[in-house]
Amino acid sequence: MKKQTLKCGLEAVNGKTYVKATQYSKISFKDLVKDIQDHTGVPMAMVKATIDAMAHEVLDNVKNGHSVAIDGLGSFYLSTSAKAQADAEKANSSTVRRVALAFRQSTEVKNDLLNKSTGVRFDTLETSADKTPDDSGNGGNSGGSGDGGEYNENDGID
C-alpha cells in the first residue's frame, strides 16, 4: 500500500501549537458506493443495500446497549455525557446532556496509520489563530489535555 501524504494545519490553543489533520472534503454516500462497486465488482444497488442494512443494524444494536465490532476497522458504541452530581441519588437519566454514536479504531488501524511505510505523512499547511477556552467554539473545552500534553480534538466528547 502506498503511503498517503496529507496536508495539516497548525492550531494554536492557549499559547501552544499542535499539528491537526486537514479534512479535504466529505466523500458522498454515492461516491463511496461507487468506489466499493469499482473495487469489488458487486452491483451498485447491492452495495447500497448492504451499507444501508449495516448502518441500520449498527445503530439498532448500539441503541440496545451493544458495541459493534467491524473486523479490521474498529467498534461503534454509545457514548454519553452527563452533568456530575455530588449526591449519587441525584445522578439519573435527567442529567444526561449528550448521547452520541462513537467509534474507536482497532489496534490494526492504529498501527497501519502509524506505519512508516504505509501510514500517513503530514506536510504543514497553515496556522490558525490562537484559541482560548472561551473562544474555541466548543463550550469552553479547548480540546487539550489541560496538562500541557497531547492535543486531541475529541477530548471532552466521552
N, C-alpha and C. Protein backbone atom coordinates (compact mmCIF):
# COMPACT_ATOMS: atom_id res chain seq x y z
N MET A 1 0.84 -1.18 0.00
CA MET A 1 0.00 0.00 0.00
C MET A 1 0.88 1.24 0.00
N LYS A 2 0.54 2.21 -0.83
CA LYS A 2 1.29 3.46 -0.93
C LYS A 2 1.01 4.36 0.26
N LYS A 3 2.06 4.97 0.77
CA LYS A 3 1.91 5.91 1.87
C LYS A 3 1.17 7.15 1.38
N GLN A 4 0.23 7.64 2.19
CA GLN A 4 -0.55 8.83 1.85
C GLN A 4 0.07 10.06 2.49
N THR A 5 0.15 11.16 1.73
CA THR A 5 0.63 12.42 2.28
C THR A 5 -0.55 13.36 2.42
N LEU A 6 -0.80 13.82 3.62
CA LEU A 6 -1.89 14.74 3.89
C LEU A 6 -1.34 16.08 4.34
N LYS A 7 -1.99 17.13 3.93
CA LYS A 7 -1.65 18.45 4.45
C LYS A 7 -2.19 18.54 5.86
N CYS A 8 -1.54 19.32 6.68
CA CYS A 8 -2.04 19.52 8.03
C CYS A 8 -1.93 20.98 8.38
N GLY A 9 -2.68 21.35 9.36
CA GLY A 9 -2.62 22.71 9.87
C GLY A 9 -1.96 22.70 11.22
N LEU A 10 -1.58 23.87 11.65
CA LEU A 10 -1.07 24.04 12.99
C LEU A 10 -2.11 24.85 13.73
N GLU A 11 -2.56 24.34 14.87
CA GLU A 11 -3.58 25.03 15.64
C GLU A 11 -3.00 25.49 16.96
N ALA A 12 -3.12 26.78 17.22
CA ALA A 12 -2.63 27.35 18.46
C ALA A 12 -3.77 27.34 19.48
N VAL A 13 -3.52 26.72 20.63
CA VAL A 13 -4.50 26.65 21.71
C VAL A 13 -3.80 27.02 23.00
N ASN A 14 -4.26 28.09 23.62
CA ASN A 14 -3.70 28.55 24.89
C ASN A 14 -2.19 28.72 24.83
N GLY A 15 -1.70 29.30 23.74
CA GLY A 15 -0.29 29.58 23.61
C GLY A 15 0.58 28.42 23.19
N LYS A 16 -0.01 27.26 22.93
CA LYS A 16 0.75 26.09 22.48
C LYS A 16 0.26 25.72 21.08
N THR A 17 1.15 25.19 20.26
CA THR A 17 0.81 24.85 18.89
C THR A 17 0.78 23.35 18.69
N TYR A 18 -0.27 22.87 18.04
CA TYR A 18 -0.48 21.45 17.79
C TYR A 18 -0.68 21.21 16.30
N VAL A 19 -0.23 20.06 15.81
CA VAL A 19 -0.48 19.65 14.43
C VAL A 19 -1.88 19.06 14.38
N LYS A 20 -2.64 19.44 13.36
CA LYS A 20 -4.01 18.96 13.21
C LYS A 20 -4.23 18.55 11.76
N ALA A 21 -4.75 17.34 11.53
CA ALA A 21 -5.01 16.87 10.17
C ALA A 21 -6.06 17.74 9.50
N THR A 22 -5.90 17.94 8.20
CA THR A 22 -6.85 18.71 7.42
C THR A 22 -7.79 17.77 6.69
N GLN A 23 -9.09 18.02 6.81
CA GLN A 23 -10.08 17.25 6.08
C GLN A 23 -10.29 17.94 4.74
N TYR A 24 -9.94 17.25 3.65
CA TYR A 24 -10.05 17.85 2.32
C TYR A 24 -11.49 18.06 1.90
N SER A 25 -12.31 17.05 2.06
CA SER A 25 -13.71 17.13 1.66
C SER A 25 -14.45 15.96 2.27
N LYS A 26 -15.74 15.93 2.05
CA LYS A 26 -16.56 14.82 2.52
C LYS A 26 -16.89 13.97 1.30
N ILE A 27 -16.66 12.66 1.40
CA ILE A 27 -17.00 11.73 0.33
C ILE A 27 -18.48 11.43 0.45
N SER A 28 -19.24 11.63 -0.62
CA SER A 28 -20.68 11.38 -0.58
C SER A 28 -20.96 9.89 -0.50
N PHE A 29 -22.14 9.56 -0.03
CA PHE A 29 -22.55 8.16 0.04
C PHE A 29 -22.52 7.54 -1.35
N LYS A 30 -22.98 8.28 -2.34
CA LYS A 30 -23.00 7.78 -3.72
C LYS A 30 -21.58 7.48 -4.21
N ASP A 31 -20.63 8.36 -3.91
CA ASP A 31 -19.23 8.14 -4.31
C ASP A 31 -18.62 6.94 -3.58
N LEU A 32 -18.97 6.78 -2.29
CA LEU A 32 -18.48 5.63 -1.54
C LEU A 32 -19.00 4.33 -2.14
N VAL A 33 -20.29 4.31 -2.45
CA VAL A 33 -20.89 3.12 -3.07
C VAL A 33 -20.20 2.82 -4.39
N LYS A 34 -19.95 3.85 -5.19
CA LYS A 34 -19.29 3.67 -6.49
C LYS A 34 -17.87 3.13 -6.30
N ASP A 35 -17.13 3.67 -5.33
CA ASP A 35 -15.77 3.20 -5.06
C ASP A 35 -15.78 1.72 -4.66
N ILE A 36 -16.73 1.33 -3.81
CA ILE A 36 -16.82 -0.07 -3.39
C ILE A 36 -17.20 -0.94 -4.58
N GLN A 37 -18.11 -0.48 -5.39
CA GLN A 37 -18.51 -1.23 -6.58
C GLN A 37 -17.32 -1.41 -7.52
N ASP A 38 -16.53 -0.37 -7.72
CA ASP A 38 -15.34 -0.46 -8.57
C ASP A 38 -14.32 -1.43 -7.99
N HIS A 39 -14.19 -1.45 -6.67
CA HIS A 39 -13.21 -2.30 -6.00
C HIS A 39 -13.62 -3.78 -5.97
N THR A 40 -14.94 -4.02 -5.86
CA THR A 40 -15.41 -5.40 -5.67
C THR A 40 -16.10 -6.01 -6.89
N GLY A 41 -16.61 -5.18 -7.78
CA GLY A 41 -17.38 -5.70 -8.91
C GLY A 41 -18.83 -6.00 -8.55
N VAL A 42 -19.22 -5.79 -7.30
CA VAL A 42 -20.61 -6.01 -6.87
C VAL A 42 -21.46 -4.86 -7.41
N PRO A 43 -22.64 -5.14 -7.94
CA PRO A 43 -23.50 -4.08 -8.48
C PRO A 43 -23.80 -2.99 -7.43
N MET A 44 -23.89 -1.74 -7.91
CA MET A 44 -24.10 -0.60 -7.00
C MET A 44 -25.33 -0.77 -6.13
N ALA A 45 -26.43 -1.30 -6.67
CA ALA A 45 -27.65 -1.47 -5.89
C ALA A 45 -27.42 -2.42 -4.72
N MET A 46 -26.64 -3.46 -4.93
CA MET A 46 -26.35 -4.40 -3.85
C MET A 46 -25.42 -3.79 -2.81
N VAL A 47 -24.45 -3.02 -3.27
CA VAL A 47 -23.54 -2.34 -2.34
C VAL A 47 -24.34 -1.37 -1.47
N LYS A 48 -25.20 -0.56 -2.11
CA LYS A 48 -26.02 0.41 -1.37
C LYS A 48 -26.92 -0.29 -0.37
N ALA A 49 -27.60 -1.36 -0.79
CA ALA A 49 -28.49 -2.08 0.12
C ALA A 49 -27.72 -2.67 1.30
N THR A 50 -26.53 -3.16 1.06
CA THR A 50 -25.72 -3.76 2.12
C THR A 50 -25.26 -2.69 3.12
N ILE A 51 -24.80 -1.56 2.62
CA ILE A 51 -24.35 -0.48 3.51
C ILE A 51 -25.53 0.07 4.30
N ASP A 52 -26.68 0.25 3.64
CA ASP A 52 -27.88 0.73 4.34
C ASP A 52 -28.26 -0.22 5.47
N ALA A 53 -28.24 -1.53 5.18
CA ALA A 53 -28.59 -2.53 6.19
C ALA A 53 -27.58 -2.53 7.32
N MET A 54 -26.29 -2.40 6.98
CA MET A 54 -25.26 -2.37 8.02
C MET A 54 -25.45 -1.16 8.93
N ALA A 55 -25.69 0.01 8.35
CA ALA A 55 -25.89 1.21 9.16
C ALA A 55 -27.09 1.04 10.09
N HIS A 56 -28.17 0.48 9.57
CA HIS A 56 -29.37 0.24 10.39
C HIS A 56 -29.05 -0.72 11.54
N GLU A 57 -28.37 -1.81 11.25
CA GLU A 57 -28.06 -2.82 12.26
C GLU A 57 -27.07 -2.30 13.30
N VAL A 58 -26.07 -1.52 12.86
CA VAL A 58 -25.13 -0.94 13.82
C VAL A 58 -25.88 -0.04 14.80
N LEU A 59 -26.69 0.87 14.28
CA LEU A 59 -27.42 1.80 15.14
C LEU A 59 -28.40 1.06 16.05
N ASP A 60 -29.12 0.09 15.51
CA ASP A 60 -30.08 -0.68 16.31
C ASP A 60 -29.38 -1.42 17.44
N ASN A 61 -28.25 -2.06 17.16
CA ASN A 61 -27.52 -2.78 18.19
C ASN A 61 -26.92 -1.86 19.24
N VAL A 62 -26.39 -0.71 18.81
CA VAL A 62 -25.83 0.25 19.76
C VAL A 62 -26.94 0.80 20.67
N LYS A 63 -28.11 1.09 20.09
CA LYS A 63 -29.24 1.57 20.90
C LYS A 63 -29.66 0.54 21.94
N ASN A 64 -29.40 -0.74 21.67
CA ASN A 64 -29.75 -1.80 22.60
C ASN A 64 -28.60 -2.18 23.53
N GLY A 65 -27.58 -1.31 23.60
CA GLY A 65 -26.52 -1.49 24.58
C GLY A 65 -25.33 -2.32 24.14
N HIS A 66 -25.24 -2.64 22.87
CA HIS A 66 -24.13 -3.45 22.38
C HIS A 66 -23.08 -2.58 21.70
N SER A 67 -21.83 -3.00 21.79
CA SER A 67 -20.76 -2.44 20.98
C SER A 67 -20.72 -3.29 19.71
N VAL A 68 -20.50 -2.66 18.56
CA VAL A 68 -20.48 -3.40 17.30
C VAL A 68 -19.09 -3.30 16.69
N ALA A 69 -18.41 -4.45 16.59
CA ALA A 69 -17.06 -4.50 16.05
C ALA A 69 -17.10 -4.80 14.56
N ILE A 70 -16.35 -4.03 13.79
CA ILE A 70 -16.16 -4.26 12.36
C ILE A 70 -14.72 -4.71 12.21
N ASP A 71 -14.53 -5.99 11.86
CA ASP A 71 -13.18 -6.55 11.76
C ASP A 71 -12.28 -5.68 10.89
N GLY A 72 -11.09 -5.41 11.39
CA GLY A 72 -10.10 -4.64 10.65
C GLY A 72 -10.34 -3.15 10.64
N LEU A 73 -11.40 -2.67 11.32
CA LEU A 73 -11.70 -1.24 11.33
C LEU A 73 -11.81 -0.70 12.75
N GLY A 74 -12.74 -1.23 13.52
CA GLY A 74 -12.92 -0.76 14.89
C GLY A 74 -14.30 -1.06 15.39
N SER A 75 -14.71 -0.36 16.46
CA SER A 75 -16.00 -0.62 17.09
C SER A 75 -16.82 0.64 17.25
N PHE A 76 -18.11 0.50 17.02
CA PHE A 76 -19.08 1.56 17.29
C PHE A 76 -19.70 1.29 18.65
N TYR A 77 -19.96 2.34 19.40
CA TYR A 77 -20.56 2.19 20.72
C TYR A 77 -21.30 3.48 21.09
N LEU A 78 -22.13 3.40 22.11
CA LEU A 78 -22.88 4.54 22.58
C LEU A 78 -22.04 5.32 23.58
N SER A 79 -21.97 6.61 23.39
CA SER A 79 -21.22 7.48 24.29
C SER A 79 -22.18 8.49 24.89
N THR A 80 -22.04 8.77 26.17
CA THR A 80 -22.90 9.76 26.82
C THR A 80 -22.05 10.76 27.59
N SER A 81 -22.62 11.90 27.82
CA SER A 81 -22.01 12.91 28.69
C SER A 81 -23.12 13.38 29.62
N ALA A 82 -22.82 13.41 30.90
CA ALA A 82 -23.82 13.80 31.89
C ALA A 82 -23.22 14.77 32.89
N LYS A 83 -24.09 15.59 33.46
CA LYS A 83 -23.66 16.53 34.49
C LYS A 83 -23.34 15.76 35.76
N ALA A 84 -22.14 16.00 36.30
CA ALA A 84 -21.72 15.32 37.53
C ALA A 84 -22.60 15.76 38.70
N GLN A 85 -22.85 14.82 39.58
CA GLN A 85 -23.68 15.08 40.76
C GLN A 85 -22.89 14.76 42.02
N ALA A 86 -22.91 15.64 42.99
CA ALA A 86 -22.23 15.40 44.26
C ALA A 86 -22.96 14.30 45.03
N ASP A 87 -24.26 14.24 44.87
CA ASP A 87 -25.08 13.24 45.56
C ASP A 87 -25.43 12.14 44.56
N ALA A 88 -25.00 10.91 44.82
CA ALA A 88 -25.24 9.79 43.90
C ALA A 88 -26.71 9.57 43.62
N GLU A 89 -27.58 9.89 44.58
CA GLU A 89 -29.02 9.70 44.38
C GLU A 89 -29.59 10.66 43.33
N LYS A 90 -28.89 11.76 43.05
CA LYS A 90 -29.36 12.72 42.06
C LYS A 90 -28.84 12.40 40.65
N ALA A 91 -27.93 11.46 40.56
CA ALA A 91 -27.39 11.05 39.26
C ALA A 91 -28.40 10.11 38.60
N ASN A 92 -29.03 10.59 37.52
CA ASN A 92 -30.02 9.79 36.81
C ASN A 92 -30.08 10.23 35.35
N SER A 93 -30.99 9.66 34.61
CA SER A 93 -31.06 9.94 33.18
C SER A 93 -31.34 11.41 32.86
N SER A 94 -31.92 12.15 33.79
CA SER A 94 -32.21 13.56 33.51
C SER A 94 -30.94 14.40 33.48
N THR A 95 -29.82 13.86 33.98
CA THR A 95 -28.56 14.62 33.96
C THR A 95 -27.76 14.38 32.68
N VAL A 96 -28.24 13.49 31.82
CA VAL A 96 -27.55 13.21 30.55
C VAL A 96 -27.71 14.43 29.64
N ARG A 97 -26.57 14.96 29.17
CA ARG A 97 -26.58 16.14 28.29
C ARG A 97 -26.42 15.78 26.83
N ARG A 98 -25.73 14.65 26.57
CA ARG A 98 -25.45 14.30 25.18
C ARG A 98 -25.36 12.79 25.05
N VAL A 99 -25.90 12.30 23.94
CA VAL A 99 -25.78 10.90 23.57
C VAL A 99 -25.25 10.88 22.15
N ALA A 100 -24.24 10.06 21.89
CA ALA A 100 -23.63 10.05 20.55
C ALA A 100 -23.23 8.64 20.15
N LEU A 101 -23.24 8.41 18.85
CA LEU A 101 -22.66 7.20 18.30
C LEU A 101 -21.17 7.47 18.18
N ALA A 102 -20.37 6.68 18.87
CA ALA A 102 -18.93 6.88 18.90
C ALA A 102 -18.23 5.73 18.18
N PHE A 103 -16.98 5.97 17.80
CA PHE A 103 -16.20 4.97 17.10
C PHE A 103 -14.81 4.92 17.71
N ARG A 104 -14.32 3.71 17.92
CA ARG A 104 -12.95 3.51 18.42
C ARG A 104 -12.22 2.64 17.41
N GLN A 105 -11.15 3.17 16.85
CA GLN A 105 -10.38 2.42 15.85
C GLN A 105 -9.75 1.17 16.46
N SER A 106 -9.58 0.17 15.62
CA SER A 106 -8.92 -1.06 16.06
C SER A 106 -7.42 -0.83 16.18
N THR A 107 -6.75 -1.68 16.91
CA THR A 107 -5.29 -1.62 17.01
C THR A 107 -4.67 -1.78 15.63
N GLU A 108 -5.27 -2.62 14.81
CA GLU A 108 -4.79 -2.83 13.44
C GLU A 108 -4.80 -1.53 12.64
N VAL A 109 -5.89 -0.77 12.73
CA VAL A 109 -5.98 0.52 12.03
C VAL A 109 -4.97 1.50 12.61
N LYS A 110 -4.89 1.57 13.92
CA LYS A 110 -3.94 2.48 14.57
C LYS A 110 -2.52 2.20 14.09
N ASN A 111 -2.13 0.92 14.10
CA ASN A 111 -0.79 0.56 13.68
C ASN A 111 -0.56 0.87 12.20
N ASP A 112 -1.57 0.64 11.37
CA ASP A 112 -1.44 0.94 9.94
C ASP A 112 -1.25 2.44 9.71
N LEU A 113 -2.00 3.27 10.42
CA LEU A 113 -1.87 4.72 10.25
C LEU A 113 -0.51 5.22 10.70
N LEU A 114 0.07 4.57 11.70
CA LEU A 114 1.37 4.99 12.23
C LEU A 114 2.55 4.34 11.51
N ASN A 115 2.29 3.32 10.68
CA ASN A 115 3.35 2.59 9.99
C ASN A 115 4.15 3.54 9.10
N LYS A 116 5.46 3.54 9.23
CA LYS A 116 6.31 4.47 8.49
C LYS A 116 6.29 4.25 6.98
N SER A 117 5.95 3.05 6.51
CA SER A 117 5.95 2.82 5.06
C SER A 117 4.56 2.85 4.45
N THR A 118 3.50 2.58 5.23
CA THR A 118 2.15 2.56 4.64
C THR A 118 1.20 3.54 5.30
N GLY A 119 1.63 4.22 6.34
CA GLY A 119 0.73 5.09 7.09
C GLY A 119 0.55 6.45 6.46
N VAL A 120 0.34 7.45 7.30
CA VAL A 120 0.06 8.81 6.87
C VAL A 120 1.25 9.70 7.20
N ARG A 121 1.65 10.53 6.25
CA ARG A 121 2.70 11.52 6.48
C ARG A 121 2.04 12.89 6.37
N PHE A 122 2.44 13.82 7.23
CA PHE A 122 1.84 15.14 7.23
C PHE A 122 2.81 16.18 6.70
N ASP A 123 2.31 17.07 5.85
CA ASP A 123 3.03 18.25 5.39
C ASP A 123 2.31 19.45 5.97
N THR A 124 3.05 20.38 6.61
CA THR A 124 2.45 21.54 7.23
C THR A 124 1.87 22.47 6.17
N LEU A 125 0.68 22.99 6.46
CA LEU A 125 -0.03 23.84 5.51
C LEU A 125 -0.23 25.25 6.04
N GLU A 126 -0.89 25.37 7.18
CA GLU A 126 -1.25 26.68 7.68
C GLU A 126 -1.38 26.67 9.18
N THR A 127 -1.44 27.87 9.76
CA THR A 127 -1.58 28.04 11.20
C THR A 127 -2.87 28.79 11.48
N SER A 128 -3.66 28.31 12.45
CA SER A 128 -4.87 29.02 12.85
C SER A 128 -4.52 30.02 13.94
N ALA A 129 -5.45 30.93 14.20
CA ALA A 129 -5.25 31.90 15.28
C ALA A 129 -5.27 31.19 16.62
N ASP A 130 -4.59 31.78 17.59
CA ASP A 130 -4.57 31.20 18.93
C ASP A 130 -5.98 31.16 19.50
N LYS A 131 -6.36 30.03 20.08
CA LYS A 131 -7.67 29.88 20.70
C LYS A 131 -7.51 29.76 22.20
N THR A 132 -8.49 30.27 22.92
CA THR A 132 -8.55 30.09 24.36
C THR A 132 -9.81 29.30 24.66
N PRO A 133 -9.97 28.80 25.89
CA PRO A 133 -11.18 28.04 26.21
C PRO A 133 -12.46 28.81 25.92
N ASP A 134 -12.45 30.14 26.02
CA ASP A 134 -13.66 30.92 25.82
C ASP A 134 -14.00 31.13 24.35
N ASP A 135 -13.02 31.06 23.43
CA ASP A 135 -13.33 31.33 22.02
C ASP A 135 -13.12 30.12 21.11
N SER A 136 -13.00 28.95 21.70
CA SER A 136 -12.75 27.77 20.88
C SER A 136 -13.99 27.24 20.20
N GLY A 137 -15.16 27.73 20.60
CA GLY A 137 -16.38 27.32 19.93
C GLY A 137 -16.93 26.00 20.41
N ASN A 138 -16.39 25.47 21.50
CA ASN A 138 -16.92 24.18 21.96
C ASN A 138 -17.23 24.20 23.45
N GLY A 139 -17.82 25.28 23.90
CA GLY A 139 -18.29 25.32 25.26
C GLY A 139 -17.21 25.41 26.31
N GLY A 140 -16.05 25.93 25.96
CA GLY A 140 -15.01 26.13 26.94
C GLY A 140 -14.00 25.00 27.02
N ASN A 141 -14.18 23.94 26.28
CA ASN A 141 -13.19 22.87 26.27
C ASN A 141 -12.30 23.06 25.06
N SER A 142 -11.05 23.42 25.30
CA SER A 142 -10.15 23.71 24.19
C SER A 142 -9.73 22.46 23.44
N GLY A 143 -10.02 21.30 23.97
CA GLY A 143 -9.61 20.06 23.33
C GLY A 143 -8.27 19.57 23.82
N GLY A 144 -7.56 20.40 24.55
CA GLY A 144 -6.27 19.99 25.08
C GLY A 144 -6.46 19.15 26.33
N SER A 145 -5.37 18.54 26.75
CA SER A 145 -5.47 17.69 27.92
C SER A 145 -5.39 18.47 29.22
N GLY A 146 -5.05 19.75 29.15
CA GLY A 146 -5.01 20.58 30.33
C GLY A 146 -3.70 20.48 31.09
N ASP A 147 -2.83 19.56 30.71
CA ASP A 147 -1.59 19.39 31.45
C ASP A 147 -0.37 19.66 30.57
N GLY A 148 -0.60 20.34 29.44
CA GLY A 148 0.50 20.62 28.54
C GLY A 148 0.84 19.42 27.68
N GLY A 149 0.01 18.40 27.72
CA GLY A 149 0.28 17.16 27.00
C GLY A 149 -0.26 17.17 25.60
N GLU A 150 -0.69 16.04 25.16
CA GLU A 150 -1.09 15.83 23.80
C GLU A 150 -2.45 16.46 23.51
N TYR A 151 -2.60 16.99 22.29
CA TYR A 151 -3.85 17.60 21.84
C TYR A 151 -4.72 16.55 21.19
N ASN A 152 -5.99 16.53 21.56
CA ASN A 152 -6.96 15.63 20.93
C ASN A 152 -8.22 16.43 20.72
N GLU A 153 -8.57 16.66 19.44
CA GLU A 153 -9.74 17.49 19.16
C GLU A 153 -11.03 16.85 19.65
N ASN A 154 -10.99 15.58 20.03
CA ASN A 154 -12.18 14.90 20.55
C ASN A 154 -12.20 14.81 22.07
N ASP A 155 -11.21 15.39 22.76
CA ASP A 155 -11.22 15.36 24.22
C ASP A 155 -12.51 16.01 24.71
N GLY A 156 -13.07 15.47 25.74
CA GLY A 156 -14.29 16.02 26.30
C GLY A 156 -15.55 15.48 25.65
N ILE A 157 -15.43 14.66 24.62
CA ILE A 157 -16.61 14.12 23.95
C ILE A 157 -17.18 12.99 24.76
N ASP A 158 -16.34 12.14 25.32
CA ASP A 158 -16.85 10.98 26.08
C ASP A 158 -16.95 11.29 27.55
